[in-house]
Amino acid sequence: MRHLKSLREYIDALGEIGEIQHVNTEVDLKFQIGAISRLCYETGAPAPFFTKITGVNAGFRVLGAPAGVSSQPGLYLSRIAVSLANQWLAGIAVLAAISLRRLKRRKVGCARELRYTQTSASLS
C-alpha cells in the first residue's frame, strides 16, 4: 500500500478499488448528505462523493462515509485499510473489527461482564 499525500490521492485510491460513487445530483447539505452517507455505512455501499450541493458555491464537494465497510466480496475493510494507508495498521483494524463483531454477538453486555469479572477477581 502506498502512502497517500492528499485527499485527491485518497479519493483516487478509493476509486481504483470501486469504493467511491460520484453523486452529481444536487443534494441538500442539511439533511440529504447525512442520510445518504448513513445509508452507505449501513449497507456497505461505496462512499458517496457529492459534487453539487444546494446553496453552496460550485467547486465545494463532500466525501461521505470514507471509512465504512464494503459489501464487495473480499473487500470488507478495504476503505479502512486505504484510510490508514499502512498494511500493518490495516491488520490491526481487521482484528479490531472481528473482536467488535464477536462482542456484539454475545448475549451478555460488556458492562455486565466487566462487573462479573471484577466480582470474581475480588473473590479469588
Foldseek 3Di string as FASTA:
>chain_A
DADDDDVVSLVVVCVVVPQEDEDADEEEPPPDLVVVLVVCLVPQHHWYKYQHYPPDDHPDIDTGVQQHAHPDPPGGRVSVCSVVVDPVVSVVVVVVVVVVVVQVPDPDHPVRVVVVVVVVVVVD
